């Protein structure tokens, strides 16, 4: 039996896909990159932008032909998993009635069992209601890169930025137990991994009780966790994403400067250079505070890499607001940036605001900002920009 899995979106989805693959490999399946040879096809989806969901529906249209084309198609199980599954639920089956499974991010620990039931019972299953992910999901060691692996330190997000659907599809922030994270890292090191990236929607929000005898009952924050992981023998390179400016502690920069195995890289999304827009986005910091954090980072790590996210065309964004964003990007001189055009997302507060920046104007602002960032990146030894 063979499984094909396609991943859309961020590093969180990349790691979820690896853990899903781990389930199937442990049950005797083989991984294939040929959909025509697959017995199970899974699409691990993203809901951050409308464009991401549109791409999935386009792929599902292609898979419909595959399912009805030959004899193997009669037993082929097709599933939509991840954030889009949680966001749209039954609507996916209404639009693509040939699929068998819709499974949300917090239900992925049961994905193998659900596939087996769908094949045996010839029924469609929609499993999207779990609020907490079963910790057994993290027991699978599979990582596609022999020397590198992601490790989730938390799930969900409680920031409720007004444009972001993540808290609604992945739930509120939950920190994984310290001991589970340390155990997972040690298992990966034993398996030959030497490079680790700690993952969280907001890594700085990490906080958990320590259960070890010497420190029982003590609360550990992200800086403390990062220090513990950096001390593990065999971890030669250690990174983390993503940081939220409102929760950054200068102790993080001290630790990054002190530890040779911690990457000198900070992904710090700013989203806008306008305080008015930042307030509407519910980001809980000002551009002045953001620039202060950047100054602290550069003081502690003068050669450190700095990346960011920016959204253009947020509701009510004026030319003045956009110019403030341009000025901030020019002032900071990011090594590279992820640039997005705003699109309304269901459930979010921003969805209730008038999407009053025309698409052509969003495209223009995106192009202007892209041109600026390309110029900045080129000066920093031709480092790439990711759109």
Protein backbone atom coordinates (compact mmCIF):
# COMPACT_ATOMS: atom_id res chain seq x y z
CA UNK A 1 0.00 0.00 0.00
CA UNK A 2 1.26 3.48 -0.87
CA UNK A 3 0.48 6.97 0.45
CA UNK A 4 0.90 10.29 -1.36
CA UNK A 5 0.88 13.50 0.68
CA UNK A 6 1.00 17.07 -0.62
CA UNK A 7 1.62 19.94 1.80
CA UNK A 8 0.46 23.54 1.47
CA UNK A 9 1.56 26.40 3.72
CA UNK A 10 4.01 26.83 6.56
CA UNK A 11 6.58 24.86 8.57
CA UNK A 12 3.83 23.82 11.00
CA UNK A 13 2.15 21.98 8.14
CA UNK A 14 5.47 20.54 6.99
CA UNK A 15 5.98 18.96 10.41
CA UNK A 16 2.37 17.77 10.64
CA UNK A 17 2.83 16.06 7.27
CA UNK A 18 5.96 14.28 8.48
CA UNK A 19 4.09 13.01 11.55
CA UNK A 20 1.19 11.83 9.37
CA UNK A 21 3.61 10.02 7.07
CA UNK A 22 5.20 8.46 10.15
CA UNK A 23 1.85 6.90 11.07
CA UNK A 24 1.46 5.26 7.68
CA UNK A 25 5.07 4.05 7.50
CA UNK A 26 4.66 2.43 10.92
CA UNK A 27 1.66 0.52 9.53
CA UNK A 28 3.61 -0.87 6.57
CA UNK A 29 2.74 1.75 3.93
CA UNK A 30 5.32 3.12 1.51
CA UNK A 31 5.61 6.77 0.53
CA UNK A 32 5.17 7.65 -3.14
CA UNK A 33 5.46 10.88 -5.12
CA UNK A 34 3.29 9.44 -7.92
CA UNK A 35 -0.43 10.03 -7.33
CA UNK A 36 -1.30 7.35 -9.91
CA UNK A 37 0.43 4.72 -7.79
CA UNK A 38 -1.13 5.81 -4.48
CA UNK A 39 -3.77 3.97 -2.46
CA UNK A 40 -4.19 7.02 -0.22
CA UNK A 41 -3.89 10.67 -1.30
CA UNK A 42 -3.83 13.33 1.41
CA UNK A 43 -3.70 17.10 0.97
CA UNK A 44 -2.44 18.90 4.08
CA UNK A 45 -3.93 22.34 3.69
CA UNK A 46 -3.57 25.98 4.73
CA UNK A 47 -6.28 28.60 5.34
CA UNK A 48 -4.18 31.71 5.91
CA UNK A 49 -5.17 33.11 2.49
CA UNK A 50 -8.06 32.48 0.11
CA UNK A 51 -5.54 31.71 -2.63
CA UNK A 52 -4.27 28.72 -0.63
CA UNK A 53 -7.77 27.21 -0.42
CA UNK A 54 -8.43 27.87 -4.12
CA UNK A 55 -5.30 25.87 -5.02
CA UNK A 56 -6.61 22.89 -3.03
CA UNK A 57 -9.99 22.89 -4.77
CA UNK A 58 -8.16 23.01 -8.11
CA UNK A 59 -6.12 19.96 -7.08
CA UNK A 60 -9.28 18.15 -5.95
CA UNK A 61 -10.74 18.67 -9.42
CA UNK A 62 -7.73 16.86 -10.88
CA UNK A 63 -8.05 14.03 -8.37
CA UNK A 64 -11.68 13.45 -9.33
CA UNK A 65 -10.52 12.32 -12.75
CA UNK A 66 -7.92 10.06 -11.17
CA UNK A 67 -10.45 8.39 -8.88
CA UNK A 68 -12.83 7.49 -11.70
CA UNK A 69 -10.20 6.62 -14.30
CA UNK A 70 -9.30 3.03 -13.43
CA UNK A 71 -10.03 0.05 -11.21
CA UNK A 72 -7.59 1.20 -8.55
CA UNK A 73 -9.58 4.39 -8.21
CA UNK A 74 -12.45 2.44 -6.69
CA UNK A 75 -10.39 1.76 -3.56
CA UNK A 76 -8.46 5.05 -3.61
CA UNK A 77 -8.99 7.12 -0.45
CA UNK A 78 -8.68 10.89 -0.83
CA UNK A 79 -8.50 13.14 2.22
CA UNK A 80 -8.30 16.87 2.89
CA UNK A 81 -6.53 17.41 6.20
CA UNK A 82 -5.28 20.37 8.22
CA UNK A 83 -6.45 23.96 8.59
CA UNK A 84 -8.73 24.19 5.56
CA UNK A 85 -10.49 21.02 6.72
CA UNK A 86 -11.24 22.65 10.09
CA UNK A 87 -12.19 25.94 8.46
CA UNK A 88 -14.63 24.64 5.82
CA UNK A 89 -15.69 21.19 7.09
CA UNK A 90 -18.71 19.76 5.22
CA UNK A 91 -18.46 22.47 2.58
CA UNK A 92 -15.43 20.69 1.13
CA UNK A 93 -17.46 17.53 0.53
CA UNK A 94 -20.29 19.56 -0.99
CA UNK A 95 -17.85 21.09 -3.48
CA UNK A 96 -15.83 17.88 -3.98
CA UNK A 97 -18.18 14.93 -3.28
CA UNK A 98 -15.62 12.40 -4.54
CA UNK A 99 -13.37 12.79 -1.48
CA UNK A 100 -13.53 10.45 1.51
CA UNK A 101 -12.07 12.35 4.47
CA UNK A 102 -12.00 15.83 5.98
CA UNK A 103 -9.77 15.86 9.05
CA UNK A 104 -8.76 18.89 11.14
CA UNK A 105 -5.30 19.59 12.64
CA UNK A 106 -6.26 18.40 16.12
CA UNK A 107 -7.63 15.07 14.82
CA UNK A 108 -4.56 13.96 12.88
CA UNK A 109 -3.47 11.43 15.49
CA UNK A 110 -6.33 9.25 14.15
CA UNK A 111 -5.72 9.75 10.44
CA UNK A 112 -4.54 6.21 9.73
CA UNK A 113 -7.53 4.70 11.54
CA UNK A 114 -9.92 7.03 9.69
CA UNK A 115 -8.44 6.05 6.32
CA UNK A 116 -8.89 2.38 7.21
CA UNK A 117 -12.54 2.96 8.20
CA UNK A 118 -13.27 4.99 5.07
CA UNK A 119 -11.94 2.18 2.88
CA UNK A 120 -13.71 -0.61 4.75
CA UNK A 121 -17.08 1.10 5.28
CA UNK A 122 -17.14 3.06 2.00
CA UNK A 123 -18.25 6.10 3.96
CA UNK A 124 -17.20 9.74 4.14
CA UNK A 125 -15.86 11.04 7.45
CA UNK A 126 -15.63 14.62 8.67
CA UNK A 127 -13.52 14.81 11.85
CA UNK A 128 -12.79 18.41 12.81
CA UNK A 129 -14.09 18.95 16.33
CA UNK A 130 -11.23 18.00 18.66
CA UNK A 131 -9.98 20.98 20.66
CA UNK A 132 -6.76 19.33 21.84
CA UNK A 133 -4.33 17.20 19.85
CA UNK A 134 -3.59 13.71 21.23
CA UNK A 135 0.05 13.65 22.37
CA UNK A 136 0.53 10.26 20.69
CA UNK A 137 0.70 12.18 17.39
CA UNK A 138 4.28 13.18 18.24
CA UNK A 139 5.69 9.70 18.72
CA UNK A 140 6.56 9.18 15.04
CA UNK A 141 10.22 9.86 14.17
CA UNK A 142 9.90 10.36 10.42
CA UNK A 143 11.74 13.41 9.06
CA UNK A 144 12.41 13.83 5.33
CA UNK A 145 15.77 15.52 5.92
CA UNK A 146 18.24 13.08 7.46
CA UNK A 147 20.06 15.77 9.47
CA UNK A 148 17.25 18.24 10.23
CA UNK A 149 13.88 18.02 11.94
CA UNK A 150 11.19 20.36 13.18
CA UNK A 151 9.90 19.97 16.74
CA UNK A 152 6.56 21.46 17.81
CA UNK A 153 6.82 23.20 21.18
CA UNK A 154 3.26 24.49 21.16
CA UNK A 155 -0.04 24.27 19.31
CA UNK A 156 -2.58 26.89 18.36
CA UNK A 157 -2.48 30.62 19.06
CA UNK A 158 -4.25 32.99 21.44
CA UNK A 159 -3.17 36.30 19.90
CA UNK A 160 -6.32 36.73 17.75
CA UNK A 161 -4.75 39.14 15.28
CA UNK A 162 -7.78 40.55 13.52
CA UNK A 163 -6.82 39.18 10.07
CA UNK A 164 -5.71 35.70 11.14
CA UNK A 165 -7.75 32.49 11.04
CA UNK A 166 -5.19 30.35 12.95
CA UNK A 167 -6.84 30.54 16.43
CA UNK A 168 -10.11 29.36 14.85
CA UNK A 169 -8.64 26.41 12.96
CA UNK A 170 -5.87 25.29 15.32
CA UNK A 171 -7.38 26.43 18.62
CA UNK A 172 -5.96 28.52 21.44
CA UNK A 173 -2.30 28.35 22.45
CA UNK A 174 -1.21 25.18 24.26
CA UNK A 175 2.40 24.63 25.34
CA UNK A 176 3.66 21.06 25.09
CA UNK A 177 5.20 19.59 28.27
CA UNK A 178 8.91 20.36 28.67
CA UNK A 179 9.77 16.71 29.22
CA UNK A 180 8.00 15.63 26.01
CA UNK A 181 9.95 18.16 23.95
CA UNK A 182 13.31 17.20 25.46
CA UNK A 183 12.55 13.51 24.97
CA UNK A 184 11.59 14.09 21.33
CA UNK A 185 14.78 16.06 20.61
CA UNK A 186 16.94 13.35 22.20
CA UNK A 187 15.19 10.65 20.14
CA UNK A 188 15.83 12.65 16.98
CA UNK A 189 19.50 13.15 17.86
CA UNK A 190 19.82 9.42 18.43
CA UNK A 191 18.28 8.93 14.97
CA UNK A 192 21.06 11.04 13.40
CA UNK A 193 19.49 14.52 13.46
CA UNK A 194 21.89 17.32 14.36
CA UNK A 195 19.84 20.38 13.32
CA UNK A 196 16.57 21.23 15.12
CA UNK A 197 13.99 23.96 14.47
CA UNK A 198 11.53 24.63 17.31
CA UNK A 199 8.05 25.46 16.01
CA UNK A 200 5.15 27.49 17.34
CA UNK A 201 2.67 29.99 15.97
CA UNK A 202 4.25 32.22 18.61
CA UNK A 203 7.27 30.55 20.20
CA UNK A 204 7.69 33.38 22.70
CA UNK A 205 4.34 32.46 24.22
CA UNK A 206 5.76 29.16 25.47
CA UNK A 207 5.27 28.49 29.18
CA UNK A 208 5.09 25.12 30.93
CA UNK A 209 5.68 23.56 34.33
CA UNK A 210 8.80 21.47 34.84
CA UNK A 211 8.16 18.02 36.33
CA UNK A 212 11.76 16.88 36.95
CA UNK A 213 12.74 16.21 40.59
CA UNK A 214 15.20 19.10 40.87
CA UNK A 215 12.94 21.75 39.37
CA UNK A 216 9.44 20.38 39.96
CA UNK A 217 6.76 23.04 39.79
CA UNK A 218 9.03 25.64 38.22
CA UNK A 219 7.63 27.49 35.19
CA UNK A 220 9.80 27.49 32.10
CA UNK A 221 9.46 30.18 29.42
CA UNK A 222 10.71 30.06 25.85
CA UNK A 223 14.20 31.37 26.66
CA UNK A 224 14.54 28.69 29.35
CA UNK A 225 13.36 25.97 26.96
CA UNK A 226 15.71 27.16 24.21
CA UNK A 227 18.61 27.02 26.65
CA UNK A 228 17.70 23.48 27.72
CA UNK A 229 17.49 22.24 24.12
CA UNK A 230 20.76 23.96 23.20
CA UNK A 231 22.43 22.02 26.03
CA UNK A 232 21.44 18.63 24.59
CA UNK A 233 24.51 16.79 23.34
CA UNK A 234 24.36 16.30 19.59
CA UNK A 235 22.29 19.42 18.80
CA UNK A 236 24.77 21.22 16.57
CA UNK A 237 22.35 23.75 15.10
CA UNK A 238 19.20 25.14 16.71
CA UNK A 239 16.63 27.54 15.27
CA UNK A 240 13.07 28.64 16.00
CA UNK A 241 10.03 30.22 14.32
CA UNK A 242 7.96 32.32 14.69
CA UNK A 243 8.41 35.17 17.20
CA UNK A 244 5.76 37.76 18.05
CA UNK A 245 7.13 41.26 18.82
CA UNK A 246 4.81 41.76 21.79
CA UNK A 247 6.37 38.81 23.66
CA UNK A 248 10.05 39.14 22.76
CA UNK A 249 12.38 39.19 25.79
CA UNK A 250 15.86 40.71 25.40
CA UNK A 251 17.20 37.66 27.28
CA UNK A 252 16.53 35.76 24.06
CA UNK A 253 19.11 37.87 22.23
CA UNK A 254 21.65 37.39 25.02
CA UNK A 255 21.24 33.61 24.77
CA UNK A 256 21.45 33.66 20.96
CA UNK A 257 24.70 35.61 21.19
CA UNK A 258 26.18 33.29 23.82
CA UNK A 259 25.37 29.90 22.28
CA UNK A 260 27.30 28.89 19.18
CA UNK A 261 24.74 26.27 18.18
CA UNK A 262 21.77 28.71 18.15
CA UNK A 263 21.27 30.19 14.69
CA UNK A 264 21.64 33.96 14.48
CA UNK A 265 18.31 34.28 12.72
CA UNK A 266 15.14 36.01 13.89
CA UNK A 267 11.82 35.91 12.05
CA UNK A 268 9.91 38.85 13.52
CA UNK A 269 6.71 39.73 11.60
CA UNK A 270 5.94 43.46 11.63
CA UNK A 271 2.88 43.32 9.29
CA UNK A 272 2.63 47.12 8.97
CA UNK A 273 4.57 50.30 9.68
CA UNK A 274 1.42 52.26 10.54
CA UNK A 275 0.36 52.41 14.19
CA UNK A 276 -3.24 52.93 13.12
CA UNK A 277 -3.21 49.75 11.04
CA UNK A 278 -1.30 47.81 13.72
CA UNK A 279 -4.06 48.70 16.19
CA UNK A 280 -6.74 47.54 13.75
CA UNK A 281 -4.74 44.33 13.30
CA UNK A 282 -4.72 43.82 17.08
CA UNK A 283 -0.95 43.35 17.06
CA UNK A 284 -0.48 44.90 20.55
CA UNK A 285 2.70 46.83 19.77
CA UNK A 286 3.59 50.09 18.03
CA UNK A 287 6.13 50.64 15.29
CA UNK A 288 8.27 52.47 17.88
CA UNK A 289 8.29 49.36 20.09
CA UNK A 290 9.11 47.19 17.09
CA UNK A 291 12.05 49.42 16.14
CA UNK A 292 13.27 49.28 19.74
CA UNK A 293 13.31 45.46 19.59
CA UNK A 294 15.20 45.57 16.28
CA UNK A 295 17.77 47.91 17.84
CA UNK A 296 18.25 45.52 20.78
CA UNK A 297 18.64 42.56 18.42
CA UNK A 298 21.20 44.35 16.26
CA UNK A 299 23.11 45.52 19.33
CA UNK A 300 23.43 41.95 20.67
CA UNK A 301 23.81 40.24 17.27
CA UNK A 302 25.28 42.75 14.80
CA UNK A 303 25.63 40.07 12.12
CA UNK A 304 22.28 38.41 12.84
CA UNK A 305 19.77 37.74 10.05
CA UNK A 306 16.41 39.50 10.39
CA UNK A 307 13.29 38.46 8.46
CA UNK A 308 9.73 39.73 8.60
CA UNK A 309 6.16 39.44 7.27
CA UNK A 310 4.22 42.37 5.79
CA UNK A 311 0.57 42.61 4.72
CA UNK A 312 -0.45 45.30 2.22
CA UNK A 313 -3.99 46.41 1.47
CA UNK A 314 -5.43 45.80 4.94
CA UNK A 315 -8.92 47.36 5.27
CA UNK A 316 -8.79 51.18 5.35
CA UNK A 317 -5.04 51.26 4.61
CA UNK A 318 -4.35 54.64 3.01
CA UNK A 319 -1.42 55.76 0.90
CA UNK A 320 -0.07 57.44 4.05
CA UNK A 321 -0.27 54.15 5.98
CA UNK A 322 1.47 52.35 3.14
CA UNK A 323 4.24 54.97 2.99
CA UNK A 324 4.86 54.42 6.71
CA UNK A 325 5.34 50.72 5.97
CA UNK A 326 7.76 51.53 3.18
CA UNK A 327 9.67 53.86 5.48
CA UNK A 328 9.91 51.18 8.19
CA UNK A 329 11.12 48.53 5.75
CA UNK A 330 13.71 50.97 4.37
CA UNK A 331 14.80 51.99 7.88
CA UNK A 332 15.19 48.44 9.25
CA UNK A 333 16.82 46.89 6.17
CA UNK A 334 15.45 43.35 6.55
CA UNK A 335 17.56 40.58 5.08
CA UNK A 336 14.40 39.21 3.50
CA UNK A 337 10.64 39.37 3.84
CA UNK A 338 7.43 37.46 3.21
CA UNK A 339 5.01 39.85 1.52
CA UNK A 340 1.25 39.29 1.32
CA UNK A 341 -1.80 40.99 -0.15
CA UNK A 342 -4.63 41.07 2.37
CA UNK A 343 -7.59 38.77 1.81
CA UNK A 344 -10.56 38.46 4.23
CA UNK A 345 -10.70 35.23 6.25
CA UNK A 346 -13.83 33.74 7.85
CA UNK A 347 -14.39 34.12 11.60
CA UNK A 348 -11.87 36.97 11.91
CA UNK A 349 -12.69 40.47 13.13
CA UNK A 350 -11.18 42.02 10.01
CA UNK A 351 -13.73 40.16 7.91
CA UNK A 352 -16.33 42.59 9.28
CA UNK A 353 -14.32 45.59 8.04
CA UNK A 354 -14.89 46.87 4.50
CA UNK A 355 -12.32 45.33 2.17
CA UNK A 356 -11.99 48.76 0.60
CA UNK A 357 -8.54 48.67 -0.96
CA UNK A 358 -9.10 47.66 -4.61
CA UNK A 359 -7.28 44.56 -5.84
CA UNK A 360 -5.32 46.61 -8.39
CA UNK A 361 -4.10 48.89 -5.61
CA UNK A 362 -3.12 45.91 -3.46
CA UNK A 363 -1.12 44.58 -6.39
CA UNK A 364 0.55 47.96 -6.92
CA UNK A 365 1.52 48.29 -3.27
CA UNK A 366 2.79 44.72 -3.23
CA UNK A 367 4.90 45.41 -6.33
CA UNK A 368 6.33 48.64 -4.87
CA UNK A 369 7.23 46.95 -1.59
CA UNK A 370 8.64 43.94 -3.43
CA UNK A 371 10.86 46.22 -5.50
CA UNK A 372 12.13 47.98 -2.38
CA UNK A 373 12.86 44.74 -0.56
CA UNK A 374 14.63 43.28 -3.58
CA UNK A 375 16.89 46.32 -3.65
CA UNK A 376 17.63 45.95 0.08
CA UNK A 377 18.21 42.19 -0.19
CA UNK A 378 20.53 42.66 -3.18
CA UNK A 379 22.72 44.97 -1.14
CA UNK A 380 22.89 42.28 1.56
CA UNK A 381 24.88 39.88 -0.65
CA UNK A 382 22.05 38.90 -2.99
CA UNK A 383 19.90 37.27 -0.30
CA UNK A 384 16.54 36.13 -1.69
CA UNK A 385 13.11 37.53 -0.99
CA UNK A 386 10.23 35.13 -0.55
CA UNK A 387 6.86 36.35 -1.84
